Amino acid sequence: MAKATSARELAELRLINAQTAVNNLSSDVATKTKALADAKATLQNEEAKLEELKATKRTKDEKEHSP
């Protein structure tokens, strides 16, 4: 009986450890998913700024080269 109890306690401990690992992994995935979303938003903003700068340069270049 003691052997079975010990085996059960060990199995419960392994289950708790596995659940903790899963929770940590889920949290890590959520954190990385948020970081990725933030990076994508930043990239979109920077690309929009770049397009604005290109449009401004084109306008300036057209003014300089027009008769």
N, C-alpha and C. Protein backbone atom coordinates (compact mmCIF):
# COMPACT_ATOMS: atom_id res chain seq x y z
N MET A 1 0.82 -1.20 0.00
CA MET A 1 0.00 0.00 0.00
C MET A 1 0.87 1.27 0.00
N ALA A 2 1.91 1.26 0.80
CA ALA A 2 2.79 2.42 0.87
C ALA A 2 3.45 2.67 -0.48
N LYS A 3 3.77 1.59 -1.17
CA LYS A 3 4.40 1.71 -2.48
C LYS A 3 3.43 2.36 -3.48
N ALA A 4 2.18 1.96 -3.41
CA ALA A 4 1.17 2.53 -4.30
C ALA A 4 0.94 3.99 -3.98
N THR A 5 0.90 4.32 -2.71
CA THR A 5 0.72 5.72 -2.30
C THR A 5 1.89 6.56 -2.78
N SER A 6 3.08 6.03 -2.62
CA SER A 6 4.28 6.74 -3.06
C SER A 6 4.25 6.94 -4.58
N ALA A 7 3.84 5.94 -5.31
CA ALA A 7 3.77 6.04 -6.76
C ALA A 7 2.72 7.06 -7.17
N ARG A 8 1.59 7.06 -6.44
CA ARG A 8 0.54 8.04 -6.75
C ARG A 8 1.01 9.46 -6.47
N GLU A 9 1.68 9.65 -5.33
CA GLU A 9 2.20 10.98 -4.99
C GLU A 9 3.21 11.44 -6.03
N LEU A 10 4.05 10.53 -6.50
CA LEU A 10 5.02 10.86 -7.54
C LEU A 10 4.31 11.23 -8.84
N ALA A 11 3.28 10.48 -9.19
CA ALA A 11 2.51 10.78 -10.40
C ALA A 11 1.82 12.13 -10.29
N GLU A 12 1.27 12.44 -9.11
CA GLU A 12 0.62 13.74 -8.90
C GLU A 12 1.63 14.87 -9.01
N LEU A 13 2.80 14.65 -8.45
CA LEU A 13 3.86 15.66 -8.54
C LEU A 13 4.26 15.88 -10.00
N ARG A 14 4.41 14.80 -10.75
CA ARG A 14 4.74 14.93 -12.17
C ARG A 14 3.65 15.68 -12.92
N LEU A 15 2.39 15.39 -12.57
CA LEU A 15 1.26 16.07 -13.21
C LEU A 15 1.30 17.57 -12.90
N ILE A 16 1.56 17.91 -11.66
CA ILE A 16 1.65 19.32 -11.26
C ILE A 16 2.79 20.00 -12.01
N ASN A 17 3.93 19.33 -12.08
CA ASN A 17 5.08 19.90 -12.79
C ASN A 17 4.78 20.06 -14.28
N ALA A 18 4.11 19.07 -14.85
CA ALA A 18 3.76 19.16 -16.27
C ALA A 18 2.77 20.30 -16.50
N GLN A 19 1.79 20.45 -15.61
CA GLN A 19 0.82 21.53 -15.76
C GLN A 19 1.50 22.89 -15.62
N THR A 20 2.44 22.99 -14.71
CA THR A 20 3.20 24.23 -14.54
C THR A 20 3.98 24.55 -15.82
N ALA A 21 4.60 23.52 -16.39
CA ALA A 21 5.35 23.72 -17.63
C ALA A 21 4.43 24.18 -18.76
N VAL A 22 3.25 23.57 -18.85
CA VAL A 22 2.28 23.96 -19.88
C VAL A 22 1.84 25.40 -19.66
N ASN A 23 1.55 25.76 -18.41
CA ASN A 23 1.13 27.13 -18.11
C ASN A 23 2.23 28.14 -18.46
N ASN A 24 3.46 27.79 -18.13
CA ASN A 24 4.59 28.67 -18.46
C ASN A 24 4.75 28.81 -19.97
N LEU A 25 4.61 27.71 -20.67
CA LEU A 25 4.73 27.74 -22.12
C LEU A 25 3.61 28.58 -22.73
N SER A 26 2.40 28.40 -22.23
CA SER A 26 1.26 29.18 -22.74
C SER A 26 1.48 30.66 -22.50
N SER A 27 1.98 30.99 -21.33
CA SER A 27 2.27 32.39 -21.01
C SER A 27 3.35 32.94 -21.93
N ASP A 28 4.38 32.13 -22.17
CA ASP A 28 5.48 32.54 -23.05
C ASP A 28 4.97 32.75 -24.47
N VAL A 29 4.11 31.86 -24.94
CA VAL A 29 3.54 32.01 -26.28
C VAL A 29 2.72 33.29 -26.36
N ALA A 30 1.91 33.54 -25.33
CA ALA A 30 1.09 34.76 -25.32
C ALA A 30 1.97 36.01 -25.35
N THR A 31 3.03 36.00 -24.58
CA THR A 31 3.96 37.13 -24.54
C THR A 31 4.61 37.34 -25.91
N LYS A 32 5.06 36.27 -26.51
CA LYS A 32 5.71 36.37 -27.82
C LYS A 32 4.72 36.76 -28.91
N THR A 33 3.48 36.28 -28.80
CA THR A 33 2.45 36.66 -29.77
C THR A 33 2.18 38.16 -29.69
N LYS A 34 2.11 38.68 -28.47
CA LYS A 34 1.90 40.12 -28.29
C LYS A 34 3.09 40.91 -28.84
N ALA A 35 4.29 40.44 -28.55
CA ALA A 35 5.49 41.12 -29.05
C ALA A 35 5.50 41.12 -30.58
N LEU A 36 5.09 40.01 -31.18
CA LEU A 36 5.03 39.94 -32.64
C LEU A 36 4.00 40.92 -33.19
N ALA A 37 2.84 40.98 -32.56
CA ALA A 37 1.79 41.92 -33.00
C ALA A 37 2.29 43.36 -32.88
N ASP A 38 2.96 43.65 -31.78
CA ASP A 38 3.52 45.00 -31.59
C ASP A 38 4.56 45.32 -32.67
N ALA A 39 5.41 44.35 -32.98
CA ALA A 39 6.45 44.56 -34.00
C ALA A 39 5.81 44.78 -35.37
N LYS A 40 4.76 44.02 -35.67
CA LYS A 40 4.07 44.20 -36.95
C LYS A 40 3.45 45.59 -37.04
N ALA A 41 2.85 46.05 -35.95
CA ALA A 41 2.25 47.39 -35.94
C ALA A 41 3.32 48.46 -36.14
N THR A 42 4.44 48.30 -35.47
CA THR A 42 5.55 49.24 -35.62
C THR A 42 6.06 49.24 -37.05
N LEU A 43 6.20 48.07 -37.63
CA LEU A 43 6.65 47.97 -39.01
C LEU A 43 5.67 48.67 -39.96
N GLN A 44 4.38 48.47 -39.76
CA GLN A 44 3.39 49.13 -40.61
C GLN A 44 3.49 50.65 -40.48
N ASN A 45 3.67 51.13 -39.27
CA ASN A 45 3.82 52.58 -39.06
C ASN A 45 5.06 53.11 -39.77
N GLU A 46 6.16 52.39 -39.64
CA GLU A 46 7.40 52.82 -40.26
C GLU A 46 7.29 52.77 -41.79
N GLU A 47 6.62 51.75 -42.31
CA GLU A 47 6.42 51.68 -43.76
C GLU A 47 5.56 52.84 -44.25
N ALA A 48 4.55 53.20 -43.47
CA ALA A 48 3.69 54.34 -43.85
C ALA A 48 4.51 55.63 -43.85
N LYS A 49 5.37 55.81 -42.85
CA LYS A 49 6.24 57.00 -42.81
C LYS A 49 7.17 57.02 -44.02
N LEU A 50 7.70 55.87 -44.36
CA LEU A 50 8.60 55.78 -45.51
C LEU A 50 7.87 56.16 -46.79
N GLU A 51 6.65 55.69 -46.96
CA GLU A 51 5.87 56.04 -48.14
C GLU A 51 5.59 57.55 -48.19
N GLU A 52 5.33 58.14 -47.04
CA GLU A 52 5.13 59.60 -46.98
C GLU A 52 6.40 60.34 -47.40
N LEU A 53 7.53 59.87 -46.90
CA LEU A 53 8.80 60.50 -47.26
C LEU A 53 9.09 60.36 -48.75
N LYS A 54 8.80 59.18 -49.30
CA LYS A 54 9.00 58.98 -50.73
C LYS A 54 8.09 59.91 -51.54
N ALA A 55 6.85 60.05 -51.12
CA ALA A 55 5.92 60.93 -51.83
C ALA A 55 6.39 62.37 -51.75
N THR A 56 6.87 62.79 -50.58
CA THR A 56 7.38 64.15 -50.42
C THR A 56 8.59 64.38 -51.32
N LYS A 57 9.49 63.40 -51.38
CA LYS A 57 10.67 63.52 -52.23
C LYS A 57 10.27 63.60 -53.70
N ARG A 58 9.31 62.75 -54.11
CA ARG A 58 8.86 62.79 -55.51
C ARG A 58 8.29 64.16 -55.86
N THR A 59 7.49 64.71 -54.96
CA THR A 59 6.91 66.03 -55.19
C THR A 59 8.01 67.08 -55.31
N LYS A 60 8.97 67.00 -54.40
CA LYS A 60 10.09 67.96 -54.44
C LYS A 60 10.89 67.81 -55.72
N ASP A 61 11.18 66.57 -56.10
CA ASP A 61 11.94 66.32 -57.34
C ASP A 61 11.18 66.82 -58.56
N GLU A 62 9.89 66.61 -58.58
CA GLU A 62 9.08 67.07 -59.72
C GLU A 62 9.09 68.58 -59.82
N LYS A 63 9.04 69.27 -58.70
CA LYS A 63 9.06 70.73 -58.70
C LYS A 63 10.41 71.24 -59.18
N GLU A 64 11.49 70.56 -58.79
CA GLU A 64 12.83 70.99 -59.17
C GLU A 64 13.09 70.76 -60.65
N HIS A 65 12.47 69.75 -61.25
CA HIS A 65 12.73 69.41 -62.63
C HIS A 65 11.69 69.94 -63.61
N SER A 66 10.69 70.62 -63.11
CA SER A 66 9.68 71.16 -64.02
C SER A 66 10.14 72.54 -64.53
N PRO A 67 9.75 72.85 -65.78
CA PRO A 67 10.21 74.13 -66.34
C PRO A 67 9.57 75.36 -65.74
